[in-house]
Amino acid sequence: MRRLARCAVLYWPPMLRQRSKWLLLPAVSLVLVAQGCSGGRRDEPAEAAGRPETSELVAEADRLYERRESPERAREALALLRRALAADYKSYEAAWKLARAGFYVG
């Protein structure tokens, strides 16, 4: 292990072997990481954030779940909630209602 560590030190460029240059390395790394993290993120438009198709699917599933005495309606509600969660996997409402319907259907 020590031999490998010595070899790695020998192959560093002479500029990086100096102690004063080591202060520059963390600063440059931090800037690159910050730029890389913020570069891929895109904000969604306000109308896409609500995802009306998801809310419509959840509302229809709610109507079916209210009449869950019939097993077919409960299964339809379960299928609609799965589609809603697939359309917007961050939808908390669709996720917990899917869990509730899945528990009821069994």
PDB file of N, CA and C in Angstrom:
ATOM      1  N   MET A   1       0.819  -1.196   0.000  1.00  0.00           N
ATOM      2  CA  MET A   1       0.000   0.000   0.000  1.00  0.00           C
ATOM      3  C   MET A   1       0.866   1.264   0.000  1.00  0.00           C
ATOM      4  N   ARG A   2       1.942   1.227   0.801  1.00  0.00           N
ATOM      5  CA  ARG A   2       2.816   2.403   0.851  1.00  0.00           C
ATOM      6  C   ARG A   2       3.500   2.644  -0.479  1.00  0.00           C
ATOM      7  N   ARG A   3       3.866   1.558  -1.138  1.00  0.00           N
ATOM      8  CA  ARG A   3       4.542   1.694  -2.429  1.00  0.00           C
ATOM      9  C   ARG A   3       3.612   2.393  -3.428  1.00  0.00           C
ATOM     10  N   LEU A   4       2.356   2.014  -3.426  1.00  0.00           N
ATOM     11  CA  LEU A   4       1.381   2.631  -4.322  1.00  0.00           C
ATOM     12  C   LEU A   4       1.217   4.108  -4.002  1.00  0.00           C
ATOM     13  N   ALA A   5       1.202   4.447  -2.724  1.00  0.00           N
ATOM     14  CA  ALA A   5       1.066   5.849  -2.333  1.00  0.00           C
ATOM     15  C   ALA A   5       2.276   6.657  -2.789  1.00  0.00           C
ATOM     16  N   ARG A   6       3.478   6.088  -2.656  1.00  0.00           N
ATOM     17  CA  ARG A   6       4.669   6.801  -3.109  1.00  0.00           C
ATOM     18  C   ARG A   6       4.648   7.002  -4.617  1.00  0.00           C
ATOM     19  N   CYS A   7       4.195   6.003  -5.362  1.00  0.00           N
ATOM     20  CA  CYS A   7       4.136   6.115  -6.816  1.00  0.00           C
ATOM     21  C   CYS A   7       3.154   7.204  -7.229  1.00  0.00           C
ATOM     22  N   ALA A   8       2.047   7.282  -6.536  1.00  0.00           N
ATOM     23  CA  ALA A   8       1.051   8.299  -6.873  1.00  0.00           C
ATOM     24  C   ALA A   8       1.606   9.693  -6.632  1.00  0.00           C
ATOM     25  N   VAL A   9       2.385   9.864  -5.571  1.00  0.00           N
ATOM     26  CA  VAL A   9       2.968  11.173  -5.286  1.00  0.00           C
ATOM     27  C   VAL A   9       3.990  11.538  -6.339  1.00  0.00           C
ATOM     28  N   LEU A  10       4.728  10.571  -6.812  1.00  0.00           N
ATOM     29  CA  LEU A  10       5.751  10.850  -7.810  1.00  0.00           C
ATOM     30  C   LEU A  10       5.162  11.307  -9.140  1.00  0.00           C
ATOM     31  N   TYR A  11       3.963  10.863  -9.457  1.00  0.00           N
ATOM     32  CA  TYR A  11       3.371  11.208 -10.743  1.00  0.00           C
ATOM     33  C   TYR A  11       2.544  12.484 -10.714  1.00  0.00           C
ATOM     34  N   TRP A  12       2.382  13.111  -9.563  1.00  0.00           N
ATOM     35  CA  TRP A  12       1.677  14.391  -9.524  1.00  0.00           C
ATOM     36  C   TRP A  12       2.491  15.426 -10.282  1.00  0.00           C
ATOM     37  N   PRO A  13       1.853  16.310 -11.002  1.00  0.00           N
ATOM     38  CA  PRO A  13       2.604  17.381 -11.664  1.00  0.00           C
ATOM     39  C   PRO A  13       3.331  18.238 -10.632  1.00  0.00           C
ATOM     40  N   PRO A  14       4.482  18.784 -10.980  1.00  0.00           N
ATOM     41  CA  PRO A  14       5.262  19.559 -10.016  1.00  0.00           C
ATOM     42  C   PRO A  14       4.475  20.730  -9.441  1.00  0.00           C
ATOM     43  N   MET A  15       3.588  21.311 -10.227  1.00  0.00           N
ATOM     44  CA  MET A  15       2.819  22.455  -9.738  1.00  0.00           C
ATOM     45  C   MET A  15       1.942  22.065  -8.547  1.00  0.00           C
ATOM     46  N   LEU A  16       1.390  20.828  -8.564  1.00  0.00           N
ATOM     47  CA  LEU A  16       0.501  20.405  -7.493  1.00  0.00           C
ATOM     48  C   LEU A  16       1.257  19.921  -6.263  1.00  0.00           C
ATOM     49  N   ARG A  17       2.538  19.684  -6.394  1.00  0.00           N
ATOM     50  CA  ARG A  17       3.317  19.271  -5.235  1.00  0.00           C
ATOM     51  C   ARG A  17       3.588  20.427  -4.292  1.00  0.00           C
ATOM     52  N   GLN A  18       3.490  21.624  -4.770  1.00  0.00           N
ATOM     53  CA  GLN A  18       3.737  22.776  -3.910  1.00  0.00           C
ATOM     54  C   GLN A  18       2.532  22.991  -2.995  1.00  0.00           C
ATOM     55  N   ARG A  19       2.843  23.360  -1.798  1.00  0.00           N
ATOM     56  CA  ARG A  19       1.797  23.506  -0.797  1.00  0.00           C
ATOM     57  C   ARG A  19       0.838  24.653  -1.109  1.00  0.00           C
ATOM     58  N   SER A  20       1.284  25.738  -1.648  1.00  0.00           N
ATOM     59  CA  SER A  20       0.426  26.891  -1.896  1.00  0.00           C
ATOM     60  C   SER A  20      -0.590  26.604  -3.000  1.00  0.00           C
ATOM     61  N   LYS A  21      -0.291  25.712  -3.884  1.00  0.00           N
ATOM     62  CA  LYS A  21      -1.211  25.393  -4.972  1.00  0.00           C
ATOM     63  C   LYS A  21      -2.359  24.508  -4.507  1.00  0.00           C
ATOM     64  N   TRP A  22      -2.188  23.832  -3.400  1.00  0.00           N
ATOM     65  CA  TRP A  22      -3.249  22.963  -2.888  1.00  0.00           C
ATOM     66  C   TRP A  22      -4.464  23.759  -2.444  1.00  0.00           C
ATOM     67  N   LEU A  23      -4.306  25.004  -2.141  1.00  0.00           N
ATOM     68  CA  LEU A  23      -5.449  25.822  -1.748  1.00  0.00           C
ATOM     69  C   LEU A  23      -6.362  26.107  -2.942  1.00  0.00           C
ATOM     70  N   LEU A  24      -5.787  26.109  -4.118  1.00  0.00           N
ATOM     71  CA  LEU A  24      -6.561  26.371  -5.318  1.00  0.00           C
ATOM     72  C   LEU A  24      -7.410  25.171  -5.719  1.00  0.00           C
ATOM     73  N   LEU A  25      -6.934  23.974  -5.472  1.00  0.00           N
ATOM     74  CA  LEU A  25      -7.633  22.769  -5.891  1.00  0.00           C
ATOM     75  C   LEU A  25      -9.028  22.629  -5.267  1.00  0.00           C
ATOM     76  N   PRO A  26      -9.218  22.780  -3.953  1.00  0.00           N
ATOM     77  CA  PRO A  26     -10.576  22.677  -3.407  1.00  0.00           C
ATOM     78  C   PRO A  26     -11.505  23.775  -3.916  1.00  0.00           C
ATOM     79  N   ALA A  27     -10.981  24.954  -4.122  1.00  0.00           N
ATOM     80  CA  ALA A  27     -11.830  26.039  -4.616  1.00  0.00           C
ATOM     81  C   ALA A  27     -12.324  25.744  -6.027  1.00  0.00           C
ATOM     82  N   VAL A  28     -11.435  25.289  -6.887  1.00  0.00           N
ATOM     83  CA  VAL A  28     -11.828  24.962  -8.264  1.00  0.00           C
ATOM     84  C   VAL A  28     -12.796  23.786  -8.265  1.00  0.00           C
ATOM     85  N   SER A  29     -12.545  22.795  -7.424  1.00  0.00           N
ATOM     86  CA  SER A  29     -13.438  21.638  -7.342  1.00  0.00           C
ATOM     87  C   SER A  29     -14.827  22.045  -6.895  1.00  0.00           C
ATOM     88  N   LEU A  30     -14.898  22.910  -5.915  1.00  0.00           N
ATOM     89  CA  LEU A  30     -16.188  23.373  -5.420  1.00  0.00           C
ATOM     90  C   LEU A  30     -16.967  24.123  -6.493  1.00  0.00           C
ATOM     91  N   VAL A  31     -16.288  24.961  -7.241  1.00  0.00           N
ATOM     92  CA  VAL A  31     -16.954  25.700  -8.313  1.00  0.00           C
ATOM     93  C   VAL A  31     -17.469  24.747  -9.386  1.00  0.00           C
ATOM     94  N   LEU A  32     -16.666  23.753  -9.759  1.00  0.00           N
ATOM     95  CA  LEU A  32     -17.087  22.807 -10.779  1.00  0.00           C
ATOM     96  C   LEU A  32     -18.267  21.957 -10.324  1.00  0.00           C
ATOM     97  N   VAL A  33     -18.243  21.531  -9.086  1.00  0.00           N
ATOM     98  CA  VAL A  33     -19.356  20.738  -8.561  1.00  0.00           C
ATOM     99  C   VAL A  33     -20.620  21.574  -8.498  1.00  0.00           C
ATOM    100  N   ALA A  34     -20.526  22.796  -8.039  1.00  0.00           N
ATOM    101  CA  ALA A  34     -21.710  23.662  -7.957  1.00  0.00           C
ATOM    102  C   ALA A  34     -22.278  23.940  -9.337  1.00  0.00           C
ATOM    103  N   GLN A  35     -21.421  24.164 -10.296  1.00  0.00           N
ATOM    104  CA  GLN A  35     -21.892  24.435 -11.649  1.00  0.00           C
ATOM    105  C   GLN A  35     -22.513  23.179 -12.259  1.00  0.00           C
ATOM    106  N   GLY A  36     -21.941  22.041 -12.007  1.00  0.00           N
ATOM    107  CA  GLY A  36     -22.485  20.801 -12.543  1.00  0.00           C
ATOM    108  C   GLY A  36     -23.825  20.441 -11.946  1.00  0.00           C
ATOM    109  N   CYS A  37     -24.018  20.740 -10.673  1.00  0.00           N
ATOM    110  CA  CYS A  37     -25.283  20.425 -10.023  1.00  0.00           C
ATOM    111  C   CYS A  37     -26.407  21.329 -10.493  1.00  0.00           C
ATOM    112  N   SER A  38     -26.112  22.565 -10.760  1.00  0.00           N
ATOM    113  CA  SER A  38     -27.172  23.489 -11.141  1.00  0.00           C
ATOM    114  C   SER A  38     -27.431  23.494 -12.639  1.00  0.00           C
ATOM    115  N   GLY A  39     -26.544  22.949 -13.439  1.00  0.00           N
ATOM    116  CA  GLY A  39     -26.688  23.014 -14.888  1.00  0.00           C
ATOM    117  C   GLY A  39     -27.802  22.144 -15.436  1.00  0.00           C
ATOM    118  N   GLY A  40     -28.070  20.997 -14.841  1.00  0.00           N
ATOM    119  CA  GLY A  40     -29.058  20.085 -15.378  1.00  0.00           C
ATOM    120  C   GLY A  40     -30.469  20.326 -14.894  1.00  0.00           C
ATOM    121  N   ARG A  41     -30.663  21.219 -13.997  1.00  0.00           N
ATOM    122  CA  ARG A  41     -31.979  21.430 -13.417  1.00  0.00           C
ATOM    123  C   ARG A  41     -32.769  22.434 -14.225  1.00  0.00           C
ATOM    124  N   ARG A  42     -34.026  22.085 -14.475  1.00  0.00           N
ATOM    125  CA  ARG A  42     -34.907  22.990 -15.205  1.00  0.00           C
ATOM    126  C   ARG A  42     -36.197  23.134 -14.425  1.00  0.00           C
ATOM    127  N   ASP A  43     -36.620  24.347 -14.264  1.00  0.00           N
ATOM    128  CA  ASP A  43     -37.862  24.589 -13.553  1.00  0.00           C
ATOM    129  C   ASP A  43     -39.042  24.339 -14.483  1.00  0.00           C
ATOM    130  N   GLU A  44     -40.082  23.721 -13.925  1.00  0.00           N
ATOM    131  CA  GLU A  44     -41.270  23.438 -14.707  1.00  0.00           C
ATOM    132  C   GLU A  44     -42.154  24.671 -14.768  1.00  0.00           C
ATOM    133  N   PRO A  45     -42.891  24.842 -15.851  1.00  0.00           N
ATOM    134  CA  PRO A  45     -43.857  25.935 -15.886  1.00  0.00           C
ATOM    135  C   PRO A  45     -44.947  25.723 -14.836  1.00  0.00           C
ATOM    136  N   ALA A  46     -45.600  26.787 -14.468  1.00  0.00           N
ATOM    137  CA  ALA A  46     -46.601  26.711 -13.395  1.00  0.00           C
ATOM    138  C   ALA A  46     -47.739  25.769 -13.752  1.00  0.00           C
ATOM    139  N   GLU A  47     -48.164  25.741 -15.005  1.00  0.00           N
ATOM    140  CA  GLU A  47     -49.276  24.882 -15.366  1.00  0.00           C
ATOM    141  C   GLU A  47     -48.880  23.407 -15.399  1.00  0.00           C
ATOM    142  N   ALA A  48     -47.617  23.108 -15.667  1.00  0.00           N
ATOM    143  CA  ALA A  48     -47.180  21.714 -15.661  1.00  0.00           C
ATOM    144  C   ALA A  48     -46.970  21.210 -14.241  1.00  0.00           C
ATOM    145  N   ALA A  49     -46.747  22.119 -13.304  1.00  0.00           N
ATOM    146  CA  ALA A  49     -46.522  21.700 -11.917  1.00  0.00           C
ATOM    147  C   ALA A  49     -47.775  21.079 -11.322  1.00  0.00           C
ATOM    148  N   GLY A  50     -48.956  21.591 -11.677  1.00  0.00           N
ATOM    149  CA  GLY A  50     -50.205  21.050 -11.163  1.00  0.00           C
ATOM    150  C   GLY A  50     -50.572  19.727 -11.795  1.00  0.00           C
ATOM    151  N   ARG A  51     -50.087  19.462 -12.985  1.00  0.00           N
ATOM    152  CA  ARG A  51     -50.366  18.240 -13.724  1.00  0.00           C
ATOM    153  C   ARG A  51     -51.866  17.958 -13.743  1.00  0.00           C
ATOM    154  N   PRO A  52     -52.617  18.692 -14.557  1.00  0.00           N
ATOM    155  CA  PRO A  52     -54.066  18.513 -14.566  1.00  0.00           C
ATOM    156  C   PRO A  52     -54.485  17.101 -14.934  1.00  0.00           C
ATOM    157  N   GLU A  53     -53.717  16.407 -15.784  1.00  0.00           N
ATOM    158  CA  GLU A  53     -54.108  15.052 -16.128  1.00  0.00           C
ATOM    159  C   GLU A  53     -54.033  14.142 -14.908  1.00  0.00           C
ATOM    160  N   THR A  54     -53.074  14.370 -14.050  1.00  0.00           N
ATOM    161  CA  THR A  54     -52.962  13.577 -12.829  1.00  0.00           C
ATOM    162  C   THR A  54     -54.111  13.876 -11.887  1.00  0.00           C
ATOM    163  N   SER A  55     -54.426  15.150 -11.710  1.00  0.00           N
ATOM    164  CA  SER A  55     -55.517  15.505 -10.793  1.00  0.00           C
ATOM    165  C   SER A  55     -56.860  15.004 -11.320  1.00  0.00           C
ATOM    166  N   GLU A  56     -57.028  14.996 -12.647  1.00  0.00           N
ATOM    167  CA  GLU A  56     -58.268  14.458 -13.210  1.00  0.00           C
ATOM    168  C   GLU A  56     -58.373  12.953 -12.975  1.00  0.00           C
ATOM    169  N   LEU A  57     -57.269  12.255 -13.139  1.00  0.00           N
ATOM    170  CA  LEU A  57     -57.268  10.815 -12.893  1.00  0.00           C
ATOM    171  C   LEU A  57     -57.555  10.506 -11.424  1.00  0.00           C
ATOM    172  N   VAL A  58     -56.972  11.282 -10.535  1.00  0.00           N
ATOM    173  CA  VAL A  58     -57.193  11.071  -9.107  1.00  0.00           C
ATOM    174  C   VAL A  58     -58.649  11.372  -8.751  1.00  0.00           C
ATOM    175  N   ALA A  59     -59.222  12.426  -9.327  1.00  0.00           N
ATOM    176  CA  ALA A  59     -60.620  12.762  -9.052  1.00  0.00           C
ATOM    177  C   ALA A  59     -61.557  11.655  -9.541  1.00  0.00           C
ATOM    178  N   GLU A  60     -61.301  11.127 -10.717  1.00  0.00           N
ATOM    179  CA  GLU A  60     -62.124  10.028 -11.241  1.00  0.00           C
ATOM    180  C   GLU A  60     -61.975   8.788 -10.373  1.00  0.00           C
ATOM    181  N   ALA A  61     -60.758   8.516  -9.927  1.00  0.00           N
ATOM    182  CA  ALA A  61     -60.527   7.369  -9.040  1.00  0.00           C
ATOM    183  C   ALA A  61     -61.247   7.552  -7.712  1.00  0.00           C
ATOM    184  N   ASP A  62     -61.294   8.784  -7.224  1.00  0.00           N
ATOM    185  CA  ASP A  62     -62.033   9.053  -5.981  1.00  0.00           C
ATOM    186  C   ASP A  62     -63.515   8.731  -6.150  1.00  0.00           C
ATOM    187  N   ARG A  63     -64.071   9.144  -7.283  1.00  0.00           N
ATOM    188  CA  ARG A  63     -65.494   8.866  -7.534  1.00  0.00           C
ATOM    189  C   ARG A  63     -65.747   7.356  -7.577  1.00  0.00           C
ATOM    190  N   LEU A  64     -64.838   6.626  -8.206  1.00  0.00           N
ATOM    191  CA  LEU A  64     -64.997   5.174  -8.260  1.00  0.00           C
ATOM    192  C   LEU A  64     -64.782   4.536  -6.890  1.00  0.00           C
ATOM    193  N   TYR A  65     -63.839   5.061  -6.129  1.00  0.00           N
ATOM    194  CA  TYR A  65     -63.542   4.485  -4.814  1.00  0.00           C
ATOM    195  C   TYR A  65     -64.693   4.706  -3.838  1.00  0.00           C
ATOM    196  N   GLU A  66     -65.413   5.810  -4.000  1.00  0.00           N
ATOM    197  CA  GLU A  66     -66.573   6.046  -3.126  1.00  0.00           C
ATOM    198  C   GLU A  66     -67.628   4.966  -3.315  1.00  0.00           C
ATOM    199  N   ARG A  67     -67.715   4.397  -4.518  1.00  0.00           N
ATOM    200  CA  ARG A  67     -68.678   3.326  -4.790  1.00  0.00           C
ATOM    201  C   ARG A  67     -67.940   1.990  -4.842  1.00  0.00           C
ATOM    202  N   ARG A  68     -67.118   1.728  -3.863  1.00  0.00           N
ATOM    203  CA  ARG A  68     -66.247   0.556  -3.871  1.00  0.00           C
ATOM    204  C   ARG A  68     -66.937  -0.730  -3.421  1.00  0.00           C
ATOM    205  N   GLU A  69     -68.254  -0.661  -3.171  1.00  0.00           N
ATOM    206  CA  GLU A  69     -68.968  -1.888  -2.805  1.00  0.00           C
ATOM    207  C   GLU A  69     -68.844  -2.914  -3.921  1.00  0.00           C
ATOM    208  N   SER A  70     -68.779  -2.408  -5.139  1.00  0.00           N
ATOM    209  CA  SER A  70     -68.572  -3.280  -6.295  1.00  0.00           C
ATOM    210  C   SER A  70     -67.065  -3.467  -6.496  1.00  0.00           C
ATOM    211  N   PRO A  71     -66.582  -4.709  -6.521  1.00  0.00           N
ATOM    212  CA  PRO A  71     -65.138  -4.939  -6.672  1.00  0.00           C
ATOM    213  C   PRO A  71     -64.570  -4.393  -7.989  1.00  0.00           C
ATOM    214  N   GLU A  72     -65.410  -4.362  -9.028  1.00  0.00           N
ATOM    215  CA  GLU A  72     -64.938  -3.851 -10.315  1.00  0.00           C
ATOM    216  C   GLU A  72     -64.588  -2.367 -10.217  1.00  0.00           C
ATOM    217  N   ARG A  73     -65.395  -1.621  -9.516  1.00  0.00           N
ATOM    218  CA  ARG A  73     -65.125  -0.182  -9.369  1.00  0.00           C
ATOM    219  C   ARG A  73     -63.860   0.065  -8.558  1.00  0.00           C
ATOM    220  N   ALA A  74     -63.667  -0.741  -7.539  1.00  0.00           N
ATOM    221  CA  ALA A  74     -62.454  -0.591  -6.733  1.00  0.00           C
ATOM    222  C   ALA A  74     -61.215  -0.918  -7.573  1.00  0.00           C
ATOM    223  N   ARG A  75     -61.306  -1.926  -8.423  1.00  0.00           N
ATOM    224  CA  ARG A  75     -60.175  -2.277  -9.290  1.00  0.00           C
ATOM    225  C   ARG A  75     -59.932  -1.198 -10.338  1.00  0.00           C
ATOM    226  N   GLU A  76     -61.011  -0.601 -10.858  1.00  0.00           N
ATOM    227  CA  GLU A  76     -60.863   0.492 -11.817  1.00  0.00           C
ATOM    228  C   GLU A  76     -60.184   1.696 -11.155  1.00  0.00           C
ATOM    229  N   ALA A  77     -60.594   1.984  -9.917  1.00  0.00           N
ATOM    230  CA  ALA A  77     -59.963   3.083  -9.174  1.00  0.00           C
ATOM    231  C   ALA A  77     -58.472   2.800  -8.980  1.00  0.00           C
ATOM    232  N   LEU A  78     -58.149   1.562  -8.684  1.00  0.00           N
ATOM    233  CA  LEU A  78     -56.750   1.170  -8.502  1.00  0.00           C
ATOM    234  C   LEU A  78     -55.958   1.367  -9.798  1.00  0.00           C
ATOM    235  N   ALA A  79     -56.545   0.987 -10.927  1.00  0.00           N
ATOM    236  CA  ALA A  79     -55.866   1.147 -12.213  1.00  0.00           C
ATOM    237  C   ALA A  79     -55.676   2.624 -12.554  1.00  0.00           C
ATOM    238  N   LEU A  80     -56.692   3.453 -12.284  1.00  0.00           N
ATOM    239  CA  LEU A  80     -56.571   4.893 -12.547  1.00  0.00           C
ATOM    240  C   LEU A  80     -55.497   5.530 -11.675  1.00  0.00           C
ATOM    241  N   LEU A  81     -55.428   5.119 -10.429  1.00  0.00           N
ATOM    242  CA  LEU A  81     -54.419   5.684  -9.533  1.00  0.00           C
ATOM    243  C   LEU A  81     -53.014   5.244  -9.936  1.00  0.00           C
ATOM    244  N   ARG A  82     -52.890   4.050 -10.466  1.00  0.00           N
ATOM    245  CA  ARG A  82     -51.580   3.618 -10.976  1.00  0.00           C
ATOM    246  C   ARG A  82     -51.164   4.465 -12.170  1.00  0.00           C
ATOM    247  N   ARG A  83     -52.124   4.759 -13.049  1.00  0.00           N
ATOM    248  CA  ARG A  83     -51.818   5.621 -14.200  1.00  0.00           C
ATOM    249  C   ARG A  83     -51.450   7.022 -13.743  1.00  0.00           C
ATOM    250  N   ALA A  84     -52.157   7.530 -12.734  1.00  0.00           N
ATOM    251  CA  ALA A  84     -51.860   8.876 -12.221  1.00  0.00           C
ATOM    252  C   ALA A  84     -50.471   8.931 -11.614  1.00  0.00           C
ATOM    253  N   LEU A  85     -50.107   7.906 -10.882  1.00  0.00           N
ATOM    254  CA  LEU A  85     -48.781   7.891 -10.261  1.00  0.00           C
ATOM    255  C   LEU A  85     -47.685   7.701 -11.309  1.00  0.00           C
ATOM    256  N   ALA A  86     -47.985   6.974 -12.378  1.00  0.00           N
ATOM    257  CA  ALA A  86     -47.006   6.823 -13.459  1.00  0.00           C
ATOM    258  C   ALA A  86     -46.818   8.146 -14.202  1.00  0.00           C
ATOM    259  N   ALA A  87     -47.897   8.931 -14.318  1.00  0.00           N
ATOM    260  CA  ALA A  87     -47.797  10.226 -15.002  1.00  0.00           C
ATOM    261  C   ALA A  87     -47.017  11.234 -14.161  1.00  0.00           C
ATOM    262  N   ASP A  88     -47.203  11.183 -12.847  1.00  0.00           N
ATOM    263  CA  ASP A  88     -46.496  12.101 -11.953  1.00  0.00           C
ATOM    264  C   ASP A  88     -46.097  11.327 -10.704  1.00  0.00           C
ATOM    265  N   TYR A  89     -44.887  10.793 -10.717  1.00  0.00           N
ATOM    266  CA  TYR A  89     -44.446   9.943  -9.611  1.00  0.00           C
ATOM    267  C   TYR A  89     -44.221  10.710  -8.318  1.00  0.00           C
ATOM    268  N   LYS A  90     -44.246  12.049  -8.375  1.00  0.00           N
ATOM    269  CA  LYS A  90     -44.061  12.847  -7.169  1.00  0.00           C
ATOM    270  C   LYS A  90     -45.385  13.208  -6.502  1.00  0.00           C
ATOM    271  N   SER A  91     -46.481  12.765  -7.059  1.00  0.00           N
ATOM    272  CA  SER A  91     -47.800  13.120  -6.540  1.00  0.00           C
ATOM    273  C   SER A  91     -48.068  12.346  -5.246  1.00  0.00           C
ATOM    274  N   TYR A  92     -48.057  13.071  -4.150  1.00  0.00           N
ATOM    275  CA  TYR A  92     -48.313  12.450  -2.850  1.00  0.00           C
ATOM    276  C   TYR A  92     -49.753  11.958  -2.763  1.00  0.00           C
ATOM    277  N   GLU A  93     -50.668  12.764  -3.291  1.00  0.00           N
ATOM    278  CA  GLU A  93     -52.094  12.405  -3.235  1.00  0.00           C
ATOM    279  C   GLU A  93     -52.350  11.099  -3.981  1.00  0.00           C
ATOM    280  N   ALA A  94     -51.787  10.961  -5.161  1.00  0.00           N
ATOM    281  CA  ALA A  94     -51.975   9.727  -5.925  1.00  0.00           C
ATOM    282  C   ALA A  94     -51.335   8.544  -5.210  1.00  0.00           C
ATOM    283  N   ALA A  95     -50.204   8.759  -4.573  1.00  0.00           N
ATOM    284  CA  ALA A  95     -49.494   7.661  -3.905  1.00  0.00           C
ATOM    285  C   ALA A  95     -50.276   7.131  -2.707  1.00  0.00           C
ATOM    286  N   TRP A  96     -50.784   8.028  -1.860  1.00  0.00           N
ATOM    287  CA  TRP A  96     -51.469   7.513  -0.674  1.00  0.00           C
ATOM    288  C   TRP A  96     -52.837   6.949  -1.020  1.00  0.00           C
ATOM    289  N   LYS A  97     -53.489   7.510  -2.034  1.00  0.00           N
ATOM    290  CA  LYS A  97     -54.784   6.954  -2.438  1.00  0.00           C
ATOM    291  C   LYS A  97     -54.598   5.608  -3.135  1.00  0.00           C
ATOM    292  N   LEU A  98     -53.482   5.444  -3.841  1.00  0.00           N
ATOM    293  CA  LEU A  98     -53.173   4.147  -4.430  1.00  0.00           C
ATOM    294  C   LEU A  98     -52.938   3.109  -3.332  1.00  0.00           C
ATOM    295  N   ALA A  99     -52.245   3.495  -2.289  1.00  0.00           N
ATOM    296  CA  ALA A  99     -52.015   2.570  -1.165  1.00  0.00           C
ATOM    297  C   ALA A  99     -53.336   2.201  -0.495  1.00  0.00           C
ATOM    298  N   ARG A 100     -54.210   3.192  -0.331  1.00  0.00           N
ATOM    299  CA  ARG A 100     -55.512   2.930   0.300  1.00  0.00           C
ATOM    300  C   ARG A 100     -56.341   1.981  -0.558  1.00  0.00           C
ATOM    301  N   ALA A 101     -56.405   2.245  -1.856  1.00  0.00           N
ATOM    302  CA  ALA A 101     -57.184   1.382  -2.747  1.00  0.00           C
ATOM    303  C   ALA A 101     -56.569  -0.011  -2.849  1.00  0.00           C
ATOM    304  N   GLY A 102     -55.241  -0.067  -2.887  1.00  0.00           N
ATOM    305  CA  GLY A 102     -54.582  -1.374  -2.924  1.00  0.00           C
ATOM    306  C   GLY A 102     -54.836  -2.187  -1.680  1.00  0.00           C
ATOM    307  N   PHE A 103     -54.912  -1.542  -0.533  1.00  0.00           N
ATOM    308  CA  PHE A 103     -55.212  -2.228   0.713  1.00  0.00           C
ATOM    309  C   PHE A 103     -56.640  -2.755   0.683  1.00  0.00           C
ATOM    310  N   TYR A 104     -57.559  -1.958   0.142  1.00  0.00           N
ATOM    311  CA  TYR A 104     -58.955  -2.391   0.091  1.00  0.00           C
ATOM    312  C   TYR A 104     -59.141  -3.562  -0.864  1.00  0.00           C
ATOM    313  N   VAL A 105     -58.520  -3.467  -2.044  1.00  0.00           N
ATOM    314  CA  VAL A 105     -58.688  -4.532  -3.044  1.00  0.00           C
ATOM    315  C   VAL A 105     -57.964  -5.802  -2.583  1.00  0.00           C
ATOM    316  N   GLY A 106     -56.842  -5.633  -1.967  1.00  0.00           N
ATOM    317  CA  GLY A 106     -56.118  -6.759  -1.419  1.00  0.00           C
ATOM    318  C   GLY A 106     -55.096  -7.329  -2.262  1.00  0.00           C
TER     319      GLY A 106
END
